[in-house]
Amino acid sequence: MQTVNDGTHWMLRLDEGQDLHQTLAEFATKQGVRAAAVLMGIGMLRRATLGYWNGKEYQSREILEPHELVALHGSIAEVDQAPSVHLHVAATGPTHEAVGGHLIRGTVGILGELYLETFPGRVFGRPLDEGLGLRTLDLEPGATP
């Protein structure tokens, strides 16, 4: 992976075979990023598992053939002092039809280009919302509502 930053703006190049979630978590740990938005991502996915939240659980679909990564967005927060990466994706295969959803798992094929905005001095949380059964983004953990 290559990275370059200009203040709070980061451009990352991920390489063939890298796991998107793991690589972003390692980046966050190494750079001390505790709050970030993944604003853009393009490239290729070698394989991926997408999820659709049906209100109770994720229904997953595995994509086994390479797909163009046409959109990637998400956030980096913290759970138990470790990075928590949440990503959504749109990708197209050889028929040019788009598939998308919550990215449960994704492996880079050829390369991935990502643009992130970090929030130095901030920590985003991701507490479990018992009513939804999901971890939700908390922009000000510990703040009194």
Protein backbone atom coordinates (compact mmCIF):
# COMPACT_ATOMS: atom_id res chain seq x y z
CA MET A 1 0.00 0.00 0.00
CA GLN A 2 1.12 3.53 -0.74
CA THR A 3 -0.20 6.54 1.16
CA VAL A 4 0.16 10.28 0.85
CA ASN A 5 -1.49 12.97 2.90
CA ASP A 6 -1.99 16.71 2.86
CA GLY A 7 -3.15 17.59 6.35
CA THR A 8 -6.37 15.68 6.91
CA HIS A 9 -6.69 14.47 3.30
CA TRP A 10 -5.29 11.00 2.52
CA MET A 11 -4.93 9.17 -0.77
CA LEU A 12 -4.26 5.44 -0.52
CA ARG A 13 -3.29 2.91 -3.18
CA LEU A 14 -4.09 -0.64 -2.18
CA ASP A 15 -2.50 -3.53 -4.04
CA GLU A 16 -3.59 -6.88 -5.47
CA GLY A 17 -4.76 -9.30 -2.79
CA GLN A 18 -5.14 -6.81 0.05
CA ASP A 19 -8.24 -7.12 2.20
CA LEU A 20 -10.04 -3.75 2.27
CA HIS A 21 -11.18 -3.88 5.90
CA GLN A 22 -7.93 -5.26 7.29
CA THR A 23 -5.77 -2.83 5.29
CA LEU A 24 -7.84 0.19 6.36
CA ALA A 25 -7.76 -0.96 10.00
CA GLU A 26 -3.97 -1.34 9.82
CA PHE A 27 -3.70 2.12 8.21
CA ALA A 28 -5.85 3.62 11.00
CA THR A 29 -3.73 1.98 13.70
CA LYS A 30 -0.41 3.01 12.13
CA GLN A 31 -1.50 6.62 11.50
CA GLY A 32 -3.44 7.03 14.76
CA VAL A 33 -6.70 7.66 12.88
CA ARG A 34 -9.66 7.31 15.24
CA ALA A 35 -12.22 9.16 13.11
CA ALA A 36 -12.42 9.26 9.31
CA ALA A 37 -14.73 9.28 6.32
CA VAL A 38 -13.95 7.13 3.29
CA LEU A 39 -15.12 9.53 0.60
CA MET A 40 -14.19 7.73 -2.60
CA GLY A 41 -12.84 4.44 -3.84
CA ILE A 42 -12.29 3.01 -7.31
CA GLY A 43 -10.35 0.11 -8.76
CA MET A 44 -11.00 -3.62 -8.94
CA LEU A 45 -12.33 -6.24 -6.55
CA ARG A 46 -11.05 -9.78 -7.05
CA ARG A 47 -13.86 -11.11 -4.87
CA ALA A 48 -16.33 -9.66 -2.42
CA THR A 49 -19.17 -10.47 -0.08
CA LEU A 50 -21.99 -7.93 -0.11
CA GLY A 51 -24.73 -7.57 2.45
CA TYR A 52 -28.28 -6.25 2.43
CA TRP A 53 -29.80 -5.40 5.83
CA ASN A 54 -33.34 -6.79 5.89
CA GLY A 55 -34.18 -5.19 9.24
CA LYS A 56 -32.98 -8.14 11.30
CA GLU A 57 -29.79 -9.41 9.69
CA TYR A 58 -27.56 -9.11 6.68
CA GLN A 59 -28.49 -11.23 3.69
CA SER A 60 -25.17 -11.90 2.01
CA ARG A 61 -24.17 -12.49 -1.59
CA GLU A 62 -20.71 -13.62 -2.57
CA ILE A 63 -19.21 -12.18 -5.75
CA LEU A 64 -16.63 -14.68 -7.00
CA GLU A 65 -15.53 -13.10 -10.28
CA PRO A 66 -13.59 -9.84 -10.58
CA HIS A 67 -15.67 -6.66 -10.61
CA GLU A 68 -14.79 -3.04 -11.29
CA LEU A 69 -15.03 -1.02 -8.08
CA VAL A 70 -17.01 2.02 -9.21
CA ALA A 71 -17.90 3.48 -5.81
CA LEU A 72 -16.73 2.96 -2.24
CA HIS A 73 -17.82 5.01 0.77
CA GLY A 74 -17.76 4.57 4.50
CA SER A 75 -16.28 5.50 7.83
CA ILE A 76 -13.60 4.55 10.31
CA ALA A 77 -14.51 4.63 14.00
CA GLU A 78 -13.47 2.73 17.13
CA VAL A 79 -14.88 -0.24 19.00
CA ASP A 80 -13.02 -1.31 22.16
CA GLN A 81 -10.07 0.93 21.21
CA ALA A 82 -9.61 -0.86 17.86
CA PRO A 83 -10.46 0.46 14.38
CA SER A 84 -13.95 -0.32 13.10
CA VAL A 85 -14.30 0.02 9.33
CA HIS A 86 -17.77 0.32 7.76
CA LEU A 87 -17.95 0.30 3.95
CA HIS A 88 -20.58 0.35 1.21
CA VAL A 89 -19.75 -0.48 -2.37
CA ALA A 90 -21.00 -0.46 -5.94
CA ALA A 91 -19.28 -2.68 -8.49
CA THR A 92 -19.84 -3.83 -12.06
CA GLY A 93 -19.01 -7.15 -13.67
CA PRO A 94 -18.51 -8.26 -17.26
CA THR A 95 -22.19 -7.63 -18.13
CA HIS A 96 -21.86 -4.02 -16.90
CA GLU A 97 -24.69 -4.57 -14.43
CA ALA A 98 -24.10 -2.97 -11.04
CA VAL A 99 -24.26 -4.77 -7.71
CA GLY A 100 -23.87 -3.09 -4.38
CA GLY A 101 -24.51 -2.95 -0.69
CA HIS A 102 -22.73 -3.25 2.62
CA LEU A 103 -19.23 -4.59 2.02
CA ILE A 104 -18.87 -7.53 4.38
CA ARG A 105 -15.58 -8.63 2.83
CA GLY A 106 -13.58 -7.43 -0.15
CA THR A 107 -10.26 -8.35 -1.72
CA VAL A 108 -8.49 -5.92 -4.04
CA GLY A 109 -7.81 -7.09 -7.57
CA ILE A 110 -5.02 -5.23 -9.41
CA LEU A 111 -5.37 -2.07 -7.31
CA GLY A 112 -7.68 0.15 -5.31
CA GLU A 113 -7.54 3.93 -5.07
CA LEU A 114 -9.14 5.45 -1.98
CA TYR A 115 -9.57 8.99 -0.72
CA LEU A 116 -10.13 9.61 3.01
CA GLU A 117 -10.76 12.63 5.18
CA THR A 118 -9.58 12.31 8.78
CA PHE A 119 -10.68 14.20 11.87
CA PRO A 120 -7.58 14.64 14.07
CA GLY A 121 -8.27 14.87 17.79
CA ARG A 122 -11.68 13.24 17.38
CA VAL A 123 -12.83 9.72 18.08
CA PHE A 124 -15.89 8.28 16.37
CA GLY A 125 -17.54 5.42 18.21
CA ARG A 126 -19.65 2.56 16.95
CA PRO A 127 -21.85 1.36 19.83
CA LEU A 128 -24.31 -1.48 19.44
CA ASP A 129 -27.89 -0.22 19.08
CA GLU A 130 -29.83 -3.03 20.73
CA GLY A 131 -33.10 -1.97 19.09
CA LEU A 132 -31.65 -2.19 15.58
CA GLY A 133 -29.23 -5.01 16.22
CA LEU A 134 -26.52 -2.95 14.49
CA ARG A 135 -23.51 -0.89 15.47
CA THR A 136 -24.25 2.74 14.61
CA LEU A 137 -21.86 5.63 14.14
CA ASP A 138 -21.51 7.94 17.16
CA LEU A 139 -19.76 11.18 16.24
CA GLU A 140 -19.32 12.25 19.86
CA PRO A 141 -18.99 9.19 22.11
CA GLY A 142 -19.37 9.98 25.75
CA ALA A 143 -21.19 13.27 25.08
CA THR A 144 -24.40 13.84 27.00
CA PRO A 145 -27.37 14.28 24.63
